[in-house]
C-alpha atoms as a PDB file:
ATOM      1  CA  MET A   1     133.382 180.580 137.721  1.00  0.00           C
ATOM      2  CA  ARG A   2     132.258 179.974 141.295  1.00  0.00           C
ATOM      3  CA  LYS A   3     129.595 182.678 140.924  1.00  0.00           C
ATOM      4  CA  ILE A   4     128.251 180.972 137.786  1.00  0.00           C
ATOM      5  CA  THR A   5     128.044 177.659 139.624  1.00  0.00           C
ATOM      6  CA  MET A   6     126.152 179.321 142.468  1.00  0.00           C
ATOM      7  CA  ILE A   7     123.568 180.758 140.052  1.00  0.00           C
ATOM      8  CA  PHE A   8     122.888 177.374 138.462  1.00  0.00           C
ATOM      9  CA  ALA A   9     122.788 175.644 141.835  1.00  0.00           C
ATOM     10  CA  LEU A  10     120.213 178.139 143.088  1.00  0.00           C
ATOM     11  CA  CYS A  11     118.044 177.707 140.001  1.00  0.00           C
ATOM     12  CA  LEU A  12     118.236 173.898 140.099  1.00  0.00           C
ATOM     13  CA  ALA A  13     117.433 173.876 143.815  1.00  0.00           C
ATOM     14  CA  THR A  14     114.301 175.906 143.090  1.00  0.00           C
ATOM     15  CA  MET A  15     113.303 173.404 140.409  1.00  0.00           C
ATOM     16  CA  ALA A  16     113.893 170.483 142.754  1.00  0.00           C
ATOM     17  CA  THR A  17     111.220 171.796 145.099  1.00  0.00           C
ATOM     18  CA  HIS A  18     108.755 171.248 142.245  1.00  0.00           C
ATOM     19  CA  ALA A  19     109.845 167.695 141.465  1.00  0.00           C
ATOM     20  CA  GLN A  20     106.363 166.325 140.806  1.00  0.00           C
ATOM     21  CA  SER A  21     106.410 166.014 137.042  1.00  0.00           C
ATOM     22  CA  ASP A  22     104.000 164.351 134.690  1.00  0.00           C
ATOM     23  CA  ASP A  23     105.726 164.892 131.377  1.00  0.00           C
ATOM     24  CA  PHE A  24     108.975 165.443 129.514  1.00  0.00           C
ATOM     25  CA  GLY A  25     109.291 167.475 126.326  1.00  0.00           C
ATOM     26  CA  ILE A  26     111.851 168.654 123.783  1.00  0.00           C
ATOM     27  CA  TRP A  27     111.559 172.183 122.391  1.00  0.00           C
ATOM     28  CA  THR A  28     113.572 173.424 119.402  1.00  0.00           C
ATOM     29  CA  SER A  29     113.545 176.770 117.621  1.00  0.00           C
ATOM     30  CA  VAL A  30     115.238 178.636 114.784  1.00  0.00           C
ATOM     31  CA  GLU A  31     115.411 182.427 114.778  1.00  0.00           C
ATOM     32  CA  VAL A  32     116.614 184.855 112.114  1.00  0.00           C
ATOM     33  CA  GLN A  33     117.238 188.521 112.986  1.00  0.00           C
ATOM     34  CA  LYS A  34     117.993 191.467 110.703  1.00  0.00           C
ATOM     35  CA  LYS A  35     119.459 194.608 112.267  1.00  0.00           C
ATOM     36  CA  LEU A  36     118.171 197.666 110.408  1.00  0.00           C
ATOM     37  CA  ASN A  37     120.183 200.212 112.401  1.00  0.00           C
ATOM     38  CA  LYS A  38     121.423 200.779 115.955  1.00  0.00           C
ATOM     39  CA  LYS A  39     117.891 200.961 117.352  1.00  0.00           C
ATOM     40  CA  TRP A  40     115.644 198.888 115.092  1.00  0.00           C
ATOM     41  CA  SER A  41     115.632 195.194 114.146  1.00  0.00           C
ATOM     42  CA  VAL A  42     113.162 192.675 112.685  1.00  0.00           C
ATOM     43  CA  GLY A  43     113.045 188.895 112.824  1.00  0.00           C
ATOM     44  CA  PHE A  44     111.379 185.575 112.097  1.00  0.00           C
ATOM     45  CA  GLU A  45     111.114 182.591 114.456  1.00  0.00           C
ATOM     46  CA  SER A  46     109.830 179.030 114.109  1.00  0.00           C
ATOM     47  CA  GLU A  47     109.438 176.566 116.992  1.00  0.00           C
ATOM     48  CA  PHE A  48     108.730 172.838 117.231  1.00  0.00           C
ATOM     49  CA  ARG A  49     107.730 171.034 120.459  1.00  0.00           C
ATOM     50  CA  LEU A  50     107.339 167.409 121.522  1.00  0.00           C
ATOM     51  CA  GLN A  51     105.228 166.211 124.481  1.00  0.00           C
ATOM     52  CA  ASP A  52     104.150 162.948 126.174  1.00  0.00           C
ATOM     53  CA  ASN A  53     107.755 162.051 127.086  1.00  0.00           C
ATOM     54  CA  ALA A  54     108.923 163.430 123.724  1.00  0.00           C
ATOM     55  CA  LYS A  55     106.937 160.769 121.828  1.00  0.00           C
ATOM     56  CA  LYS A  56     104.202 162.936 120.339  1.00  0.00           C
ATOM     57  CA  LEU A  57     103.848 166.320 118.731  1.00  0.00           C
ATOM     58  CA  ASP A  58     102.883 169.218 120.963  1.00  0.00           C
ATOM     59  CA  ARG A  59     102.815 172.197 118.625  1.00  0.00           C
ATOM     60  CA  TRP A  60     104.663 174.173 115.987  1.00  0.00           C
ATOM     61  CA  THR A  61     104.735 177.937 115.610  1.00  0.00           C
ATOM     62  CA  ALA A  62     105.820 180.560 113.091  1.00  0.00           C
ATOM     63  CA  GLY A  63     106.090 184.231 113.959  1.00  0.00           C
ATOM     64  CA  VAL A  64     107.402 187.628 112.922  1.00  0.00           C
ATOM     65  CA  GLY A  65     108.287 190.614 115.039  1.00  0.00           C
ATOM     66  CA  GLY A  66     110.282 193.748 115.521  1.00  0.00           C
ATOM     67  CA  ALA A  67     112.350 195.364 118.274  1.00  0.00           C
ATOM     68  CA  TYR A  68     113.154 198.963 119.164  1.00  0.00           C
ATOM     69  CA  LYS A  69     115.991 199.809 121.578  1.00  0.00           C
ATOM     70  CA  PRO A  70     115.993 203.542 122.403  1.00  0.00           C
ATOM     71  CA  THR A  71     118.700 203.153 125.077  1.00  0.00           C
ATOM     72  CA  LYS A  72     121.168 200.531 126.302  1.00  0.00           C
ATOM     73  CA  TRP A  73     118.950 199.647 129.245  1.00  0.00           C
ATOM     74  CA  LEU A  74     115.507 199.512 127.563  1.00  0.00           C
ATOM     75  CA  LYS A  75     114.057 197.485 124.690  1.00  0.00           C
ATOM     76  CA  PHE A  76     110.542 197.196 123.247  1.00  0.00           C
ATOM     77  CA  GLU A  77     109.319 194.250 121.175  1.00  0.00           C
ATOM     78  CA  ALA A  78     106.095 193.462 119.320  1.00  0.00           C
ATOM     79  CA  GLY A  79     105.014 190.662 117.027  1.00  0.00           C
ATOM     80  CA  TYR A  80     102.582 188.033 115.802  1.00  0.00           C
ATOM     81  CA  LYS A  81     102.694 184.222 116.084  1.00  0.00           C
ATOM     82  CA  PHE A  82     100.662 181.536 114.367  1.00  0.00           C
ATOM     83  CA  ILE A  83     100.403 178.449 116.598  1.00  0.00           C
ATOM     84  CA  ARG A  84      99.275 174.992 115.536  1.00  0.00           C
ATOM     85  CA  ASN A  85      98.545 173.053 118.723  1.00  0.00           C
ATOM     86  CA  TYR A  86      97.978 169.299 119.197  1.00  0.00           C
ATOM     87  CA  THR A  87      95.710 168.311 122.102  1.00  0.00           C
ATOM     88  CA  LEU A  88      96.109 164.757 123.397  1.00  0.00           C
ATOM     89  CA  ALA A  89      93.157 162.512 124.240  1.00  0.00           C
ATOM     90  CA  GLU A  90      91.786 163.423 127.655  1.00  0.00           C
ATOM     91  CA  THR A  91      89.004 162.448 130.045  1.00  0.00           C
ATOM     92  CA  LYS A  92      87.077 164.997 132.116  1.00  0.00           C
ATOM     93  CA  GLY A  93      84.184 164.887 134.554  1.00  0.00           C
ATOM     94  CA  LYS A  94      81.256 167.268 134.618  1.00  0.00           C
ATOM     95  CA  VAL A  95      78.239 167.670 136.911  1.00  0.00           C
ATOM     96  CA  THR A  96      75.090 168.029 134.803  1.00  0.00           C
ATOM     97  CA  LYS A  97      71.360 168.625 135.365  1.00  0.00           C
ATOM     98  CA  PHE A  98      70.450 170.014 138.778  1.00  0.00           C
ATOM     99  CA  LEU A  99      67.233 168.859 140.446  1.00  0.00           C
ATOM    100  CA  ASP A 100      66.768 172.154 142.265  1.00  0.00           C
ATOM    101  CA  ASP A 101      68.612 175.239 141.107  1.00  0.00           C
ATOM    102  CA  ASP A 102      68.063 176.935 144.454  1.00  0.00           C
ATOM    103  CA  GLU A 103      69.807 174.166 146.384  1.00  0.00           C
ATOM    104  CA  LEU A 104      72.192 173.288 143.539  1.00  0.00           C
ATOM    105  CA  GLU A 105      71.623 169.562 143.940  1.00  0.00           C
ATOM    106  CA  PRO A 106      73.270 167.619 141.099  1.00  0.00           C
ATOM    107  CA  LYS A 107      71.375 164.880 139.297  1.00  0.00           C
ATOM    108  CA  ASN A 108      74.204 163.095 137.543  1.00  0.00           C
ATOM    109  CA  ILE A 109      77.854 163.132 136.600  1.00  0.00           C
ATOM    110  CA  LYS A 110      78.941 162.869 132.996  1.00  0.00           C
ATOM    111  CA  ILE A 111      82.448 161.671 132.175  1.00  0.00           C
ATOM    112  CA  ARG A 112      83.605 162.435 128.655  1.00  0.00           C
ATOM    113  CA  THR A 113      86.652 161.293 126.736  1.00  0.00           C
ATOM    114  CA  SER A 114      87.832 163.277 123.724  1.00  0.00           C
ATOM    115  CA  ASP A 115      90.011 162.034 120.888  1.00  0.00           C
ATOM    116  CA  PRO A 116      93.229 163.932 120.085  1.00  0.00           C
ATOM    117  CA  TYR A 117      92.791 166.883 117.739  1.00  0.00           C
ATOM    118  CA  TRP A 118      94.596 169.850 116.178  1.00  0.00           C
ATOM    119  CA  ASN A 119      93.610 173.472 116.719  1.00  0.00           C
ATOM    120  CA  SER A 120      95.027 176.824 115.640  1.00  0.00           C
ATOM    121  CA  ARG A 121      95.805 179.912 117.680  1.00  0.00           C
ATOM    122  CA  HIS A 122      96.720 183.476 116.798  1.00  0.00           C
ATOM    123  CA  ARG A 123      98.870 185.500 119.171  1.00  0.00           C
ATOM    124  CA  VAL A 124      99.944 189.130 119.270  1.00  0.00           C
ATOM    125  CA  PHE A 125     102.305 190.441 121.926  1.00  0.00           C
ATOM    126  CA  LEU A 126     104.002 193.585 123.189  1.00  0.00           C
ATOM    127  CA  SER A 127     106.868 193.612 125.692  1.00  0.00           C
ATOM    128  CA  ALA A 128     109.279 195.949 127.468  1.00  0.00           C
ATOM    129  CA  THR A 129     112.617 194.787 128.898  1.00  0.00           C
ATOM    130  CA  LEU A 130     114.857 196.613 131.367  1.00  0.00           C
ATOM    131  CA  HIS A 131     118.585 195.723 131.489  1.00  0.00           C
ATOM    132  CA  LYS A 132     121.235 196.557 134.083  1.00  0.00           C
ATOM    133  CA  LYS A 133     124.912 195.475 134.228  1.00  0.00           C
ATOM    134  CA  PHE A 134     126.644 194.653 137.508  1.00  0.00           C
ATOM    135  CA  GLY A 135     130.220 193.873 136.542  1.00  0.00           C
ATOM    136  CA  SER A 136     130.124 190.683 134.465  1.00  0.00           C
ATOM    137  CA  PHE A 137     126.489 190.022 135.380  1.00  0.00           C
ATOM    138  CA  GLU A 138     123.480 191.395 133.569  1.00  0.00           C
ATOM    139  CA  VAL A 139     120.069 191.511 135.242  1.00  0.00           C
ATOM    140  CA  SER A 140     116.899 191.986 133.227  1.00  0.00           C
ATOM    141  CA  LEU A 141     113.168 192.252 133.876  1.00  0.00           C
ATOM    142  CA  ARG A 142     110.710 191.702 131.039  1.00  0.00           C
ATOM    143  CA  GLU A 143     106.987 192.442 131.130  1.00  0.00           C
ATOM    144  CA  GLN A 144     105.025 191.048 128.203  1.00  0.00           C
ATOM    145  CA  GLY A 145     101.334 191.264 127.440  1.00  0.00           C
ATOM    146  CA  GLN A 146      99.967 188.746 124.959  1.00  0.00           C
ATOM    147  CA  PHE A 147      96.540 188.241 123.465  1.00  0.00           C
ATOM    148  CA  ASN A 148      95.550 184.792 122.127  1.00  0.00           C
ATOM    149  CA  PHE A 149      92.635 183.962 119.865  1.00  0.00           C
ATOM    150  CA  ARG A 150      91.600 180.328 119.348  1.00  0.00           C
ATOM    151  CA  PRO A 151      89.126 179.853 116.470  1.00  0.00           C
ATOM    152  CA  GLU A 152      86.298 177.348 116.744  1.00  0.00           C
ATOM    153  CA  THR A 153      87.235 173.778 115.840  1.00  0.00           C
ATOM    154  CA  SER A 154      85.698 170.286 115.891  1.00  0.00           C
ATOM    155  CA  MET A 155      86.694 167.102 117.689  1.00  0.00           C
ATOM    156  CA  SER A 156      85.262 163.655 118.422  1.00  0.00           C
ATOM    157  CA  ARG A 157      84.307 162.502 121.926  1.00  0.00           C
ATOM    158  CA  TYR A 158      82.191 159.967 123.788  1.00  0.00           C
ATOM    159  CA  GLY A 159      81.001 159.696 127.368  1.00  0.00           C
ATOM    160  CA  THR A 160      79.345 157.782 130.214  1.00  0.00           C
ATOM    161  CA  LYS A 161      76.685 159.194 132.542  1.00  0.00           C
ATOM    162  CA  TYR A 162      76.268 158.088 136.195  1.00  0.00           C
ATOM    163  CA  MET A 163      73.301 158.850 138.468  1.00  0.00           C
ATOM    164  CA  LEU A 164      74.768 160.371 141.634  1.00  0.00           C
ATOM    165  CA  ASN A 165      72.040 159.140 143.989  1.00  0.00           C
ATOM    166  CA  GLU A 166      72.754 155.568 142.941  1.00  0.00           C
ATOM    167  CA  TRP A 167      76.516 155.857 142.719  1.00  0.00           C
ATOM    168  CA  ASP A 168      77.241 153.326 145.472  1.00  0.00           C
ATOM    169  CA  SER A 169      74.474 150.876 144.557  1.00  0.00           C
ATOM    170  CA  GLU A 170      75.379 147.543 143.020  1.00  0.00           C
ATOM    171  CA  GLU A 171      73.687 148.436 139.763  1.00  0.00           C
ATOM    172  CA  VAL A 172      75.059 151.833 138.749  1.00  0.00           C
ATOM    173  CA  ASP A 173      72.832 153.569 136.216  1.00  0.00           C
ATOM    174  CA  SER A 174      75.169 154.292 133.336  1.00  0.00           C
ATOM    175  CA  ARG A 175      74.720 155.007 129.665  1.00  0.00           C
ATOM    176  CA  LYS A 176      77.280 154.845 126.920  1.00  0.00           C
ATOM    177  CA  ASP A 177      76.897 157.799 124.602  1.00  0.00           C
ATOM    178  CA  PRO A 178      77.762 157.155 120.953  1.00  0.00           C
ATOM    179  CA  SER A 179      80.815 158.845 119.526  1.00  0.00           C
ATOM    180  CA  GLU A 180      79.874 162.343 118.439  1.00  0.00           C
ATOM    181  CA  ILE A 181      81.456 165.307 116.728  1.00  0.00           C
ATOM    182  CA  ASP A 182      81.572 168.178 119.173  1.00  0.00           C
ATOM    183  CA  THR A 183      82.648 171.796 118.826  1.00  0.00           C
ATOM    184  CA  VAL A 184      85.433 173.449 120.770  1.00  0.00           C
ATOM    185  CA  LYS A 185      84.231 177.028 121.016  1.00  0.00           C
ATOM    186  CA  SER A 186      86.388 179.964 120.034  1.00  0.00           C
ATOM    187  CA  LYS A 187      88.162 181.633 122.929  1.00  0.00           C
ATOM    188  CA  ASN A 188      90.040 184.850 123.668  1.00  0.00           C
ATOM    189  CA  THR A 189      92.638 184.937 126.445  1.00  0.00           C
ATOM    190  CA  PHE A 190      95.057 187.538 127.767  1.00  0.00           C
ATOM    191  CA  TYR A 191      98.219 186.818 129.763  1.00  0.00           C
ATOM    192  CA  LEU A 192     100.738 189.076 131.449  1.00  0.00           C
ATOM    193  CA  ARG A 193     104.157 187.406 131.513  1.00  0.00           C
ATOM    194  CA  SER A 194     106.791 188.621 133.994  1.00  0.00           C
ATOM    195  CA  ARG A 195     110.344 187.272 133.610  1.00  0.00           C
ATOM    196  CA  PHE A 196     113.379 187.946 135.808  1.00  0.00           C
ATOM    197  CA  GLN A 197     116.728 186.798 134.377  1.00  0.00           C
ATOM    198  CA  VAL A 198     120.406 186.851 135.377  1.00  0.00           C
ATOM    199  CA  GLU A 199     123.176 186.330 132.794  1.00  0.00           C
ATOM    200  CA  TYR A 200     126.937 185.986 133.141  1.00  0.00           C
ATOM    201  CA  ASP A 201     128.188 188.120 130.246  1.00  0.00           C
ATOM    202  CA  LYS A 202     131.947 188.593 130.487  1.00  0.00           C
ATOM    203  CA  LYS A 203     133.606 190.431 127.625  1.00  0.00           C
ATOM    204  CA  GLY A 204     135.483 188.085 125.295  1.00  0.00           C
ATOM    205  CA  LEU A 205     133.745 184.985 126.653  1.00  0.00           C
ATOM    206  CA  LYS A 206     131.786 183.006 124.032  1.00  0.00           C
ATOM    207  CA  TRP A 207     129.758 181.138 126.661  1.00  0.00           C
ATOM    208  CA  LYS A 208     126.896 183.012 128.302  1.00  0.00           C
ATOM    209  CA  PRO A 209     125.235 181.076 131.168  1.00  0.00           C
ATOM    210  CA  TYR A 210     121.889 182.337 132.455  1.00  0.00           C
ATOM    211  CA  ALA A 211     119.017 181.515 134.806  1.00  0.00           C
ATOM    212  CA  SER A 212     115.473 182.883 134.849  1.00  0.00           C
ATOM    213  CA  VAL A 213     112.054 182.587 136.428  1.00  0.00           C
ATOM    214  CA  GLU A 214     108.859 183.565 134.610  1.00  0.00           C
ATOM    215  CA  MET A 215     105.269 183.925 135.815  1.00  0.00           C
ATOM    216  CA  TYR A 216     102.132 183.898 133.662  1.00  0.00           C
ATOM    217  CA  ASN A 217      99.104 185.770 135.004  1.00  0.00           C
ATOM    218  CA  GLY A 218      95.772 185.515 133.236  1.00  0.00           C
ATOM    219  CA  GLY A 219      93.030 183.072 132.343  1.00  0.00           C
ATOM    220  CA  THR A 220      89.329 183.163 133.179  1.00  0.00           C
ATOM    221  CA  ASN A 221      89.859 184.302 136.776  1.00  0.00           C
ATOM    222  CA  PHE A 222      93.146 186.156 136.089  1.00  0.00           C
ATOM    223  CA  GLY A 223      95.394 184.226 138.449  1.00  0.00           C
ATOM    224  CA  ILE A 224      98.815 182.569 138.232  1.00  0.00           C
ATOM    225  CA  HIS A 225      98.394 180.290 135.232  1.00  0.00           C
ATOM    226  CA  LYS A 226     101.960 179.062 134.718  1.00  0.00           C
ATOM    227  CA  MET A 227     105.453 179.196 136.248  1.00  0.00           C
ATOM    228  CA  ARG A 228     108.706 178.568 134.374  1.00  0.00           C
ATOM    229  CA  TYR A 229     112.180 178.015 135.867  1.00  0.00           C
ATOM    230  CA  THR A 230     115.017 177.922 133.322  1.00  0.00           C
ATOM    231  CA  ALA A 231     118.781 177.393 133.381  1.00  0.00           C
ATOM    232  CA  GLY A 232     120.799 177.394 130.186  1.00  0.00           C
ATOM    233  CA  VAL A 233     123.838 178.535 128.275  1.00  0.00           C
ATOM    234  CA  GLU A 234     124.263 180.363 124.973  1.00  0.00           C
ATOM    235  CA  TYR A 235     127.351 179.782 122.838  1.00  0.00           C
ATOM    236  CA  LYS A 236     128.369 182.422 120.303  1.00  0.00           C
ATOM    237  CA  ILE A 237     129.973 180.647 117.349  1.00  0.00           C
ATOM    238  CA  ASN A 238     130.764 183.933 115.563  1.00  0.00           C
ATOM    239  CA  LYS A 239     129.153 187.319 114.960  1.00  0.00           C
ATOM    240  CA  LYS A 240     126.275 185.812 112.975  1.00  0.00           C
ATOM    241  CA  HIS A 241     125.674 182.365 114.459  1.00  0.00           C
ATOM    242  CA  SER A 242     124.864 181.235 118.007  1.00  0.00           C
ATOM    243  CA  VAL A 243     123.328 178.176 119.642  1.00  0.00           C
ATOM    244  CA  GLU A 244     121.603 177.720 122.979  1.00  0.00           C
ATOM    245  CA  VAL A 245     120.775 174.748 125.186  1.00  0.00           C
ATOM    246  CA  TYR A 246     118.631 174.914 128.307  1.00  0.00           C
ATOM    247  CA  TYR A 247     116.673 172.969 130.886  1.00  0.00           C
ATOM    248  CA  ARG A 248     113.223 174.252 131.884  1.00  0.00           C
ATOM    249  CA  TYR A 249     110.778 173.211 134.572  1.00  0.00           C
ATOM    250  CA  GLN A 250     107.214 174.324 133.866  1.00  0.00           C
ATOM    251  CA  ARG A 251     104.279 174.150 136.252  1.00  0.00           C
ATOM    252  CA  LYS A 252     100.892 174.822 134.661  1.00  0.00           C
ATOM    253  CA  SER A 253      97.620 175.249 136.497  1.00  0.00           C
ATOM    254  CA  SER A 254      94.275 174.500 134.878  1.00  0.00           C
ATOM    255  CA  ALA A 255      92.292 175.949 137.791  1.00  0.00           C
ATOM    256  CA  ASP A 256      90.752 178.512 135.461  1.00  0.00           C
ATOM    257  CA  ASN A 257      88.980 175.729 133.528  1.00  0.00           C
ATOM    258  CA  GLY A 258      86.087 176.006 135.995  1.00  0.00           C
ATOM    259  CA  GLU A 259      85.057 175.453 139.588  1.00  0.00           C
ATOM    260  CA  ASN A 260      86.283 172.427 141.515  1.00  0.00           C
ATOM    261  CA  LEU A 261      83.507 169.976 140.714  1.00  0.00           C
ATOM    262  CA  LEU A 262      84.740 167.417 143.226  1.00  0.00           C
ATOM    263  CA  ASN A 263      84.267 169.930 146.052  1.00  0.00           C
ATOM    264  CA  VAL A 264      80.789 170.739 144.743  1.00  0.00           C
ATOM    265  CA  VAL A 265      79.732 167.104 145.026  1.00  0.00           C
ATOM    266  CA  GLN A 266      81.449 166.502 148.385  1.00  0.00           C
ATOM    267  CA  ASN A 267      79.788 169.534 149.991  1.00  0.00           C
ATOM    268  CA  PHE A 268      76.230 168.249 149.581  1.00  0.00           C
ATOM    269  CA  LYS A 269      75.092 167.175 153.088  1.00  0.00           C
ATOM    270  CA  ASP A 270      71.823 166.042 154.669  1.00  0.00           C
ATOM    271  CA  ASP A 271      70.074 167.634 157.701  1.00  0.00           C
ATOM    272  CA  SER A 272      72.422 165.758 160.065  1.00  0.00           C
ATOM    273  CA  GLY A 273      75.494 167.184 158.365  1.00  0.00           C
ATOM    274  CA  ASN A 274      76.489 163.896 156.726  1.00  0.00           C
ATOM    275  CA  PRO A 275      77.583 163.755 153.075  1.00  0.00           C
ATOM    276  CA  VAL A 276      74.680 162.935 150.759  1.00  0.00           C
ATOM    277  CA  TYR A 277      76.885 161.092 148.291  1.00  0.00           C
ATOM    278  CA  ASP A 278      79.526 158.567 149.276  1.00  0.00           C
ATOM    279  CA  LEU A 279      82.264 158.886 146.687  1.00  0.00           C
ATOM    280  CA  SER A 280      84.407 156.078 148.093  1.00  0.00           C
ATOM    281  CA  SER A 281      83.191 153.728 145.381  1.00  0.00           C
ATOM    282  CA  PRO A 282      86.035 152.148 143.372  1.00  0.00           C
ATOM    283  CA  ASN A 283      84.156 153.220 140.250  1.00  0.00           C
ATOM    284  CA  PHE A 284      84.666 156.872 141.119  1.00  0.00           C
ATOM    285  CA  ASP A 285      87.878 158.567 139.959  1.00  0.00           C
ATOM    286  CA  PRO A 286      88.328 161.935 141.742  1.00  0.00           C
ATOM    287  CA  SER A 287      91.214 162.902 139.466  1.00  0.00           C
ATOM    288  CA  LEU A 288      88.673 163.602 136.723  1.00  0.00           C
ATOM    289  CA  PHE A 289      87.256 166.553 138.630  1.00  0.00           C
ATOM    290  CA  GLY A 290      88.383 169.990 139.689  1.00  0.00           C
ATOM    291  CA  LYS A 291      91.816 171.547 139.552  1.00  0.00           C
ATOM    292  CA  ASN A 292      94.398 169.667 137.521  1.00  0.00           C
ATOM    293  CA  ASP A 293      97.951 171.011 137.729  1.00  0.00           C
ATOM    294  CA  ARG A 294     100.560 169.701 135.327  1.00  0.00           C
ATOM    295  CA  SER A 295     104.335 169.912 135.390  1.00  0.00           C
ATOM    296  CA  THR A 296     106.779 169.384 132.544  1.00  0.00           C
ATOM    297  CA  HIS A 297     110.546 168.975 132.297  1.00  0.00           C
ATOM    298  CA  VAL A 298     111.872 170.471 129.053  1.00  0.00           C
ATOM    299  CA  LEU A 299     115.165 170.083 127.228  1.00  0.00           C
ATOM    300  CA  GLY A 300     115.518 172.941 124.747  1.00  0.00           C
ATOM    301  CA  PHE A 301     117.759 173.707 121.764  1.00  0.00           C
ATOM    302  CA  ASP A 302     117.786 177.054 119.912  1.00  0.00           C
ATOM    303  CA  TYR A 303     119.689 178.375 116.905  1.00  0.00           C
ATOM    304  CA  LYS A 304     119.989 182.092 116.050  1.00  0.00           C
ATOM    305  CA  PHE A 305     121.274 183.778 112.906  1.00  0.00           C
ATOM    306  CA  LYS A 306     121.876 187.536 112.928  1.00  0.00           C
ATOM    307  CA  PHE A 307     122.853 189.712 109.995  1.00  0.00           C
END
């Protein structure tokens, strides 16, 4: 029991170092598995998530898949998921219209606010998992490649444009754009997910505590897109039914959404080396520009039925 406590303490200590959180969510899922023989199995899974401090929908998913286990220490999985995702209202800044493309001098900044909207995603994945027992502990490493396709969709947004060279003047040149229907372009993304997990799996014990860390690599520039730290416990009710509860800390980077626009503006200097634009104006919100990392604390509940 002391070893189990040490595993959870280590995982929670790792999460504590990433304490800057901007959201809390609740994730629930139901999974049904059918064992065809000793090596093959198929299944169906549905998931439902809440975001914005568990007050609003995040997404729901439905997926099918299959697994092949040629040996005790190796398992392959493949499947498809349909994802219906809800994007909250958000405000973003964008530098538009350059006076001189050679010198990359910006003419204005446009700040746009989009209304919340739904969009669909299609995902296919293939994974391989290695398992190894060390007494009552089981260590596993999973590598999963997943391809996502987001079809084109429409959403409503409005914006305000500011002239950069008059940003600090008393009369800021601004223009309210009327609400307009805009298109979110279709997008293909690939991610490589690497998960390391340790479980306490003692024979005859219905409780199975575990801890894991998972890294997502991918995006436009193929970098670390997301990190997940999880600690949970699975309870086996009987041979067919089991439930699981877990806590997860997730850190997501949106650096692949584009270059850091704030740095672009700040780096414009005159012949004396002084900044061309003074962005100390109270009207200027630097959080609208550049990299925007988000962290989420998740409380999860899963139910599995095997037959």
